[in-house]
Protein backbone atom coordinates (compact mmCIF):
# COMPACT_ATOMS: atom_id res chain seq x y z
CA MET A 1 25.13 27.10 37.45
CA SER A 2 24.56 28.79 40.68
CA LEU A 3 23.31 26.45 43.58
CA GLY A 4 20.00 28.35 43.28
CA ARG A 5 17.98 29.91 46.03
CA PRO A 6 15.33 28.39 48.07
CA VAL A 7 11.43 28.20 47.67
CA PRO A 8 8.82 27.42 50.27
CA THR A 9 6.26 24.69 49.14
CA GLY A 10 2.82 25.46 50.18
CA LEU A 11 3.44 22.14 52.87
CA ALA A 12 6.15 24.35 55.01
CA VAL A 13 3.65 27.65 54.27
CA ALA A 14 0.79 25.20 56.45
CA LEU A 15 2.86 23.79 58.82
CA LEU A 16 4.26 27.33 59.74
CA ALA A 17 0.61 28.20 59.85
CA ALA A 18 0.19 25.50 62.27
CA ALA A 19 2.25 26.70 64.48
CA LEU A 20 0.49 29.90 65.55
CA VAL A 21 -2.16 27.60 66.80
CA PRO A 22 0.51 27.11 69.99
CA ALA A 23 1.56 30.55 69.69
CA ALA A 24 -2.15 32.03 70.08
CA LEU A 25 -2.48 29.76 73.37
CA ALA A 26 0.95 30.87 74.89
CA VAL A 27 -1.19 33.93 76.50
CA ALA A 28 -2.86 30.73 78.75
CA SER A 29 0.31 29.10 79.41
CA PRO A 30 4.07 29.99 78.80
CA ALA A 31 4.56 26.11 77.60
CA PHE A 32 2.81 27.14 74.75
CA ALA A 33 5.44 29.74 73.20
CA TRP A 34 8.02 26.85 73.39
CA LEU A 35 5.85 24.52 72.09
CA ALA A 36 5.72 27.00 69.24
CA LEU A 37 8.49 27.54 68.75
CA VAL A 38 10.28 23.88 68.49
CA LEU A 39 7.58 23.62 65.54
CA ASN A 40 8.82 26.94 63.56
CA VAL A 41 12.13 25.68 64.27
CA ALA A 42 11.62 21.82 62.69
CA VAL A 43 9.87 23.09 60.10
CA VAL A 44 12.67 25.60 58.99
CA ALA A 45 15.22 22.92 59.77
CA LEU A 46 13.09 20.49 57.60
CA CYS A 47 12.91 23.13 54.78
CA ALA A 48 17.14 23.55 54.74
CA VAL A 49 17.45 19.84 54.74
CA ASP A 50 15.09 19.52 51.87
CA PHE A 51 17.11 22.40 49.74
CA VAL A 52 20.30 20.74 50.01
CA ARG A 53 18.85 17.32 48.85
CA ALA A 54 16.79 19.03 46.59
CA PRO A 55 17.93 18.18 43.14
CA ARG A 56 20.74 20.28 41.29
CA ALA A 57 20.32 22.03 37.73
CA SER A 58 23.30 19.66 36.86
CA ASP A 59 20.55 16.59 37.83
CA LEU A 60 18.56 17.35 34.99
CA GLU A 61 18.72 18.61 30.82
CA LEU A 62 16.32 21.10 29.58
CA GLN A 63 15.74 22.66 26.15
CA ARG A 64 13.56 24.86 24.71
CA VAL A 65 12.29 23.50 20.82
CA VAL A 66 10.53 26.25 18.52
CA GLU A 67 11.25 27.09 15.23
CA PRO A 68 13.10 29.74 14.62
CA VAL A 69 10.33 31.25 12.56
CA LEU A 70 6.61 31.77 14.35
CA ARG A 71 3.34 32.32 12.31
CA SER A 72 1.18 35.73 12.99
CA GLY A 73 -2.28 35.18 13.76
CA VAL A 74 -1.98 31.66 14.85
CA ASP A 75 -0.88 29.67 17.69
CA ASN A 76 2.42 27.90 17.82
CA ALA A 77 3.71 25.40 19.53
CA VAL A 78 6.65 25.73 21.91
CA HIS A 79 8.33 22.33 23.44
CA LEU A 80 10.51 21.92 26.14
CA GLU A 81 11.98 18.92 26.70
CA LEU A 82 13.55 17.56 29.85
CA THR A 83 16.11 14.24 30.27
CA CYS A 84 16.42 13.22 33.96
CA ARG A 85 20.39 12.61 34.31
CA ARG A 86 20.17 11.02 38.11
CA ALA A 87 18.74 8.05 39.62
CA ALA A 88 16.22 9.17 41.18
CA PRO A 89 13.51 10.87 39.58
CA ILE A 90 12.93 14.76 39.63
CA ARG A 91 9.36 16.31 40.12
CA GLY A 92 8.71 20.44 39.97
CA GLU A 93 7.55 22.94 37.57
CA VAL A 94 9.51 24.83 34.59
CA ARG A 95 8.76 28.33 33.45
CA ASP A 96 9.14 30.21 30.07
CA GLU A 97 9.92 33.70 29.88
CA ALA A 98 8.29 34.05 26.42
CA PRO A 99 8.13 36.99 23.99
CA VAL A 100 6.61 40.28 26.68
CA ASP A 101 4.07 40.81 23.03
CA LEU A 102 2.74 37.23 22.37
CA GLU A 103 -0.30 35.77 23.71
CA VAL A 104 0.85 32.48 25.69
CA HIS A 105 -0.50 29.35 27.37
CA GLY A 106 0.45 26.73 29.58
CA HIS A 107 4.16 28.62 29.67
CA ARG A 108 4.39 27.05 33.26
CA GLN A 109 3.66 23.58 34.34
CA PRO A 110 4.49 20.65 36.57
CA PHE A 111 6.99 18.02 35.40
CA SER A 112 7.68 14.47 36.74
CA VAL A 113 10.68 13.30 35.30
CA ALA A 114 12.03 9.75 35.70
CA PRO A 115 15.66 8.81 34.86
CA GLY A 116 16.59 7.30 31.10
CA LEU A 117 17.52 8.87 28.07
CA ARG A 118 14.16 9.38 26.48
CA PRO A 119 12.92 12.93 27.29
CA THR A 120 10.33 14.09 28.84
CA ARG A 121 8.14 16.69 26.42
CA LEU A 122 6.18 19.28 27.83
CA THR A 123 3.86 22.04 25.18
CA TYR A 124 2.62 25.42 25.47
CA THR A 125 1.36 27.74 22.13
CA VAL A 126 1.87 31.17 21.66
CA HIS A 127 -0.07 33.62 19.25
CA PRO A 128 1.66 36.13 17.92
CA PRO A 129 -0.42 38.89 16.68
CA ALA A 130 1.84 40.75 14.76
CA ARG A 131 5.26 40.83 12.15
CA GLY A 132 8.12 41.53 13.83
CA ASP A 133 11.15 40.21 15.85
CA ALA A 134 11.23 38.60 19.33
CA ARG A 135 12.93 36.70 21.88
CA PHE A 136 12.49 34.25 24.06
CA GLY A 137 14.31 34.09 27.60
CA ASP A 138 15.74 32.12 30.21
CA LEU A 139 14.13 28.91 31.51
CA HIS A 140 13.17 28.88 35.17
CA LEU A 141 13.15 25.71 37.18
CA ARG A 142 11.82 24.73 40.53
CA LEU A 143 13.21 21.21 41.55
CA LEU A 144 11.45 19.73 44.26
CA GLY A 145 13.30 18.13 47.33
CA PRO A 146 12.30 14.33 48.07
CA LEU A 147 10.09 15.97 51.70
CA GLY A 148 8.24 18.15 49.51
CA LEU A 149 8.92 21.03 51.73
CA CYS A 150 11.16 23.50 49.65
CA ALA A 151 12.03 23.71 45.96
CA ARG A 152 15.31 24.60 44.66
CA GLN A 153 14.99 27.55 42.20
CA VAL A 154 17.32 28.22 39.34
CA ARG A 155 17.90 30.05 36.09
CA VAL A 156 18.63 27.78 33.03
CA PRO A 157 20.23 30.88 30.36
CA ALA A 158 17.97 29.77 26.74
CA GLY A 159 17.80 33.50 25.48
CA GLN A 160 16.82 32.72 22.35
CA PRO A 161 15.38 35.60 19.36
CA VAL A 162 12.73 33.91 16.41
CA LYS A 163 11.40 36.11 13.94
CA VAL A 164 7.68 36.27 13.27
CA TYR A 165 6.43 36.21 9.50
CA PRO A 166 2.55 36.50 8.20
CA ASP A 167 0.97 32.85 7.94
CA LEU A 168 2.74 31.47 4.91
CA THR A 169 0.35 28.19 5.32
CA ALA A 170 -2.40 30.10 4.95
CA LEU A 171 -1.03 32.07 2.27
CA THR A 172 -0.52 28.96 0.00
CA ARG A 173 -4.24 27.57 0.94
CA GLU A 174 -5.97 30.47 0.49
CA ALA A 175 -4.31 31.50 -2.81
CA LEU A 176 -4.93 28.58 -4.01
CA THR A 177 -8.53 28.69 -3.34
CA LEU A 178 -8.95 32.07 -4.76
CA ALA A 179 -7.18 31.32 -7.53
CA ARG A 180 -9.28 28.45 -8.44
CA ALA A 181 -12.61 31.54 -7.71
CA SER A 182 -14.47 28.92 -5.15
CA ASP A 183 -14.65 31.39 -2.27
CA ALA A 184 -17.94 32.53 -3.36
CA PRO A 185 -20.39 33.44 -6.47
CA ALA A 186 -19.16 36.81 -5.74
CA GLU A 187 -15.56 36.96 -5.90
CA ARG A 188 -15.23 34.45 -8.87
CA SER A 189 -13.55 34.73 -12.01
CA GLN A 190 -14.43 32.42 -14.66
CA ARG A 191 -12.27 32.32 -17.28
CA ARG A 192 -13.30 31.95 -20.70
CA PRO A 193 -12.26 31.20 -24.42
CA GLY A 194 -10.61 34.70 -25.69
CA GLU A 195 -9.65 36.10 -22.23
CA GLY A 196 -5.79 36.45 -22.14
CA ARG A 197 -3.37 37.60 -25.13
CA GLU A 198 -1.07 34.06 -25.34
CA PHE A 199 -2.79 30.93 -27.45
CA GLU A 200 -3.18 28.09 -25.79
CA SER A 201 -4.81 25.38 -28.11
CA LEU A 202 -7.80 25.42 -30.52
CA ARG A 203 -11.22 23.30 -29.79
CA GLU A 204 -14.38 22.83 -30.97
CA TYR A 205 -17.07 25.59 -31.02
CA ARG A 206 -19.37 25.65 -28.46
CA THR A 207 -22.60 27.64 -27.74
CA GLY A 208 -22.09 31.00 -26.24
CA ASP A 209 -18.70 31.38 -27.69
CA ASP A 210 -17.01 34.26 -28.88
CA TYR A 211 -17.33 34.41 -32.76
CA ARG A 212 -14.40 36.69 -33.02
CA THR A 213 -12.34 33.48 -31.24
CA ILE A 214 -13.39 31.39 -34.48
CA ASP A 215 -10.04 29.98 -36.19
CA TRP A 216 -11.47 29.80 -39.79
CA LYS A 217 -8.31 28.19 -41.58
CA ALA A 218 -8.82 25.84 -38.92
CA SER A 219 -12.07 25.18 -39.06
CA ALA A 220 -11.75 25.15 -43.17
CA ARG A 221 -9.46 22.29 -42.40
CA ARG A 222 -11.02 20.07 -40.24
CA ALA A 223 -14.54 20.81 -41.59
CA ARG A 224 -15.91 21.54 -37.84
CA THR A 225 -16.11 25.00 -36.83
CA MET A 226 -12.80 25.57 -34.23
CA VAL A 227 -12.17 28.15 -32.06
CA ARG A 228 -8.65 29.38 -30.10
CA VAL A 229 -8.26 29.53 -26.68
CA TYR A 230 -6.32 31.85 -25.28
CA GLN A 231 -4.32 31.94 -21.67
CA PRO A 232 -3.49 35.30 -19.55
CA GLU A 233 0.00 36.31 -20.30
CA ARG A 234 3.29 35.14 -18.27
CA ASN A 235 6.47 36.91 -17.19
CA GLN A 236 4.84 40.03 -16.60
CA PRO A 237 5.75 42.48 -13.87
CA VAL A 238 3.87 43.03 -10.86
CA LEU A 239 5.25 45.62 -8.49
CA LEU A 240 3.38 46.05 -5.04
CA LEU A 241 4.34 49.49 -3.42
CA LEU A 242 3.47 49.37 0.58
CA ASP A 243 2.86 52.65 2.26
CA CYS A 244 4.27 52.39 5.23
CA GLY A 245 3.59 56.43 6.63
CA ARG A 246 1.46 57.33 8.73
CA HIS A 247 -2.28 57.41 7.56
CA MET A 248 -1.44 52.93 7.74
CA ALA A 249 -0.68 53.42 11.56
CA GLY A 250 -4.78 53.60 12.63
CA LYS A 251 -6.37 50.24 13.66
CA VAL A 252 -9.21 48.14 11.37
CA ASN A 253 -10.38 45.07 13.20
CA GLY A 254 -7.77 44.95 15.73
CA ARG A 255 -5.19 45.49 13.47
CA ARG A 256 -2.31 47.87 12.12
CA LYS A 257 -3.79 48.79 8.65
CA LEU A 258 -0.14 47.82 7.41
CA ASP A 259 -0.59 44.54 8.98
CA HIS A 260 -3.59 44.13 6.36
CA ALA A 261 -1.81 45.51 3.58
CA VAL A 262 1.38 43.28 4.18
CA ASP A 263 -0.70 39.79 3.93
CA ALA A 264 -3.02 41.31 1.40
CA ALA A 265 0.18 41.98 -0.94
CA LEU A 266 1.67 38.63 0.26
CA ARG A 267 -0.73 37.08 -1.09
CA LEU A 268 -1.24 38.57 -3.87
CA ALA A 269 2.62 37.94 -4.36
CA LYS A 270 2.25 34.37 -4.22
CA VAL A 271 -0.85 34.11 -6.60
CA SER A 272 1.48 36.35 -9.17
CA LEU A 273 4.28 34.30 -8.86
CA ASP A 274 2.12 30.72 -9.28
CA ALA A 275 0.76 32.39 -12.82
CA GLY A 276 4.28 32.58 -13.74
CA ASP A 277 4.74 36.37 -13.54
CA LEU A 278 7.63 38.62 -12.00
CA VAL A 279 6.58 40.05 -8.53
CA GLY A 280 8.51 42.87 -7.07
CA VAL A 281 8.16 45.06 -3.96
CA LEU A 282 8.92 48.16 -2.49
CA ALA A 283 8.24 49.44 1.11
CA PHE A 284 8.53 53.76 1.20
CA ALA A 285 7.01 56.50 3.97
CA SER A 286 9.22 59.40 3.34
CA GLU A 287 12.08 57.20 1.83
CA VAL A 288 12.40 53.95 0.43
CA ARG A 289 12.90 51.35 2.95
CA THR A 290 12.83 48.47 1.26
CA TYR A 291 13.02 47.07 -2.21
CA LEU A 292 13.25 44.03 -4.42
CA PRO A 293 13.13 43.94 -7.93
CA PRO A 294 10.73 41.97 -9.61
CA HIS A 295 11.87 38.17 -9.71
CA LYS A 296 9.63 34.64 -10.20
CA GLY A 297 9.68 31.35 -8.80
CA ARG A 298 8.43 30.10 -5.25
CA GLU A 299 11.57 31.01 -3.55
CA HIS A 300 11.16 34.47 -4.10
CA LEU A 301 8.50 34.82 -1.57
CA ARG A 302 10.49 33.78 0.71
CA LEU A 303 12.60 36.40 0.02
CA LEU A 304 9.25 38.81 -0.07
CA THR A 305 7.83 37.52 3.21
CA GLY A 306 11.47 38.49 4.56
CA ALA A 307 11.58 41.93 3.30
CA LEU A 308 8.54 42.41 4.56
CA TYR A 309 8.28 41.03 7.89
CA ARG A 310 9.74 44.37 9.75
CA ALA A 311 7.48 46.86 8.35
CA GLU A 312 6.56 49.51 10.65
CA ALA A 313 4.07 52.25 9.70
CA ALA A 314 6.09 55.49 10.64
CA LEU A 315 4.45 59.59 11.65
CA GLU A 316 5.52 60.54 9.01
CA GLU A 317 3.99 61.86 5.88
CA SER A 318 4.74 59.19 2.74
CA ASP A 319 6.32 60.73 -0.60
CA TYR A 320 4.90 58.95 -3.10
CA GLY A 321 6.98 60.76 -5.86
CA ARG A 322 10.06 59.67 -4.53
CA ALA A 323 9.07 56.04 -4.14
CA TYR A 324 7.56 55.64 -8.04
CA ASP A 325 10.77 57.87 -9.06
CA PHE A 326 13.17 54.83 -7.08
CA ALA A 327 10.97 52.13 -8.51
CA PHE A 328 10.90 53.07 -12.08
CA ALA A 329 14.65 54.19 -12.47
CA ARG A 330 15.42 50.91 -13.02
CA SER A 331 12.93 49.44 -15.03
CA SER A 332 10.45 50.71 -17.68
CA ARG A 333 9.23 48.13 -18.62
CA ARG A 334 5.17 47.87 -18.41
CA SER A 335 4.37 46.64 -14.94
CA LEU A 336 1.14 46.33 -12.83
CA VAL A 337 1.55 48.73 -10.03
CA VAL A 338 -0.16 47.88 -7.00
CA LEU A 339 -0.16 50.83 -3.81
CA PHE A 340 -1.47 49.69 -1.29
CA THR A 341 -2.22 52.91 0.85
CA ASP A 342 -5.47 54.75 2.44
CA LEU A 343 -7.41 57.74 0.60
CA VAL A 344 -9.19 59.05 3.54
CA ASP A 345 -6.62 61.80 4.00
CA PRO A 346 -7.32 64.63 1.37
CA ASP A 347 -4.31 66.61 1.65
CA ALA A 348 -1.96 63.26 1.46
CA SER A 349 -4.55 62.18 -1.63
CA GLY A 350 -3.83 65.06 -3.73
CA THR A 351 -0.30 64.52 -4.67
CA LEU A 352 -1.16 60.36 -4.77
CA VAL A 353 -3.29 61.14 -7.58
CA THR A 354 -1.07 63.61 -9.72
CA ARG A 355 1.66 61.05 -9.25
CA THR A 356 -0.15 58.06 -10.10
CA LEU A 357 -1.98 59.78 -13.13
CA MET A 358 1.45 59.71 -14.51
CA LEU A 359 2.09 56.35 -14.63
CA ARG A 360 -0.53 56.11 -17.63
CA PRO A 361 -0.68 54.52 -19.88
CA ARG A 362 2.88 53.27 -20.16
CA HIS A 363 1.85 51.51 -16.35
CA LEU A 364 -1.36 50.03 -15.56
CA PRO A 365 -1.77 51.40 -11.66
CA VAL A 366 -4.10 49.96 -9.15
CA VAL A 367 -4.70 51.95 -6.04
CA ALA A 368 -6.23 49.59 -2.85
CA SER A 369 -7.23 50.89 0.23
CA LEU A 370 -8.48 49.51 3.25
CA LEU A 371 -12.54 49.97 3.91
CA ASP A 372 -13.09 51.14 7.63
CA GLU A 373 -16.35 49.60 8.58
CA GLU A 374 -16.73 51.40 11.78
CA LEU A 375 -16.05 54.54 9.85
CA GLN A 376 -18.76 54.07 7.04
CA ALA A 377 -20.84 53.54 9.97
CA ALA A 378 -20.64 56.50 11.44
CA ALA A 379 -20.96 58.30 8.29
CA THR A 380 -24.72 57.50 7.79
CA GLU A 381 -25.74 56.76 11.75
CA VAL A 382 -28.28 58.72 12.97
CA PRO A 383 -26.73 61.06 15.70
CA ARG A 384 -28.49 61.15 19.56
CA THR A 385 -26.19 63.74 21.05
CA PRO A 386 -24.44 66.49 19.69
CA GLN A 387 -20.90 64.82 19.63
CA ASP A 388 -22.86 61.83 17.57
CA ALA A 389 -23.54 64.89 15.26
CA TYR A 390 -20.28 66.54 14.91
CA THR A 391 -18.35 62.61 14.83
CA ARG A 392 -20.89 61.81 11.55
CA GLN A 393 -20.12 64.84 10.03
CA ALA A 394 -16.51 64.26 10.19
CA ALA A 395 -17.33 61.04 8.89
CA ALA A 396 -19.03 61.66 6.24
CA ARG A 397 -16.74 64.26 4.79
CA LEU A 398 -14.50 61.91 5.06
CA GLU A 399 -16.15 59.31 3.12
CA ASP A 400 -16.90 61.79 0.60
CA GLU A 401 -13.30 62.52 -0.36
CA TYR A 402 -12.48 59.38 -1.08
CA ARG A 403 -15.23 59.03 -3.30
CA ARG A 404 -14.02 62.20 -5.07
CA THR A 405 -10.28 60.74 -4.97
CA ALA A 406 -11.89 57.20 -6.65
CA VAL A 407 -13.74 58.51 -9.08
CA THR A 408 -11.09 60.71 -10.57
CA LEU A 409 -8.50 57.67 -10.34
CA ARG A 410 -10.84 55.79 -11.87
CA ASP A 411 -11.56 58.49 -14.80
CA SER A 412 -8.57 58.56 -16.01
CA GLY A 413 -8.13 54.62 -16.03
CA VAL A 414 -6.56 53.80 -12.96
CA LEU A 415 -7.64 50.53 -11.00
CA VAL A 416 -9.25 51.21 -7.48
CA VAL A 417 -9.87 48.22 -4.86
CA ARG A 418 -11.68 49.48 -1.50
CA ALA A 419 -12.67 46.24 0.99
CA PRO A 420 -13.27 45.53 4.21
CA ALA A 421 -9.78 43.99 6.20
CA GLN A 422 -11.80 40.49 5.90
CA GLY A 423 -11.59 40.45 2.10
CA PHE A 424 -9.00 42.92 1.51
CA GLY A 425 -7.12 40.09 0.39
CA ALA A 426 -9.55 38.45 -1.85
CA ALA A 427 -10.26 41.73 -3.22
CA ALA A 428 -6.81 42.45 -4.46
CA ILE A 429 -6.25 39.29 -5.88
CA ASN A 430 -9.65 38.96 -7.82
CA THR A 431 -8.32 42.53 -9.46
CA TYR A 432 -5.10 41.12 -10.29
CA LEU A 433 -7.45 37.56 -12.17
CA HIS A 434 -9.21 40.09 -13.88
CA VAL A 435 -6.28 42.52 -15.60
CA LYS A 436 -4.88 39.04 -16.68
CA ALA A 437 -7.80 37.61 -18.04
CA ARG A 438 -8.61 40.71 -19.99
CA GLY A 439 -5.01 40.89 -20.94
CA LEU A 440 -5.04 44.79 -20.07
CA LEU A 441 -1.33 44.35 -18.94
């Protein structure tokens, strides 16, 4: 490790600035010039002595402690542990090279480490705005000399790659809330007797129960009216298709459409896996990029997350036909197929509609797209300038194209989901719960 380079402190700069006073008075007397020179030489000499006596990098053990997988959209803690290896305390400043794409708070901090085996821990936070790979760089130390005039600047090699996943903690919390249908009255999905196809139990008839669920034989045996209680079937395949083409590269609420789609897909995967279904994922653009066949179990959610955390939107047309052919060349079992895409582009929607309708009636397709609230507002806003009028006309045309495409899909038995970014995952999950409760799959 190198000896580092000298960095004068604010005190040294202040002393050098004080030497400017006699230098300015040198006009009146040459003696002041000599005084200024002596002061400058003395400060420089003391800085040199302070640098020599300053702690070396070997006197301090420095370690970064960070999880190998960070969570996007939330603050993640990064710890810097410093341990003094010499008899005297060490003062200075540490700066971490955090990934450039992450929002960072407190990565540069002063420290004072006392001798001993117990490390001093400094903590700062990073806030990844999106998924993907990131890399921490080296650590930089400024070790103050005993006089406080000069510091030793050293670089400590500490390069470290990390992965940024969607927030799985939020997935668990939100998915559980949504599955219990307790978000809001508009999003509640109550389970009633007769929903689902798989027999669960018998219970006594209550007012409001469907007469079709009455078990007449059981009622006769027990001398009171009994009804069958059904539950949604398990072990049903749910295939999530993510469009990674150019339509998903646009931004809604400051994030790419694909980021919202990945979050919604993982929320839906969490609920589906908890319900005992098999979940698979396929990400595609002009070609298939990622494919995981349907499986079940909690560990499968980790695999799904690992498969999607690097998904990026490419500026190319999406080939829906190739994606469908690839997925169902490996399995023909009836599945719930949820396609996360964008229905605004009329040219691409024509191909999407044709190939999606071909899935019926063998499979149950769901097309989920984001509602761009700014676009919707522009389509109904009263124009004040000619430019506003052109903007409204273009936005209204896109909204009309979406409505026509959605009507065509719904009329053919395809479920269509459209929701703003904030409720996109909730809308997808509620559609899944509706399908399961009604036994549509």
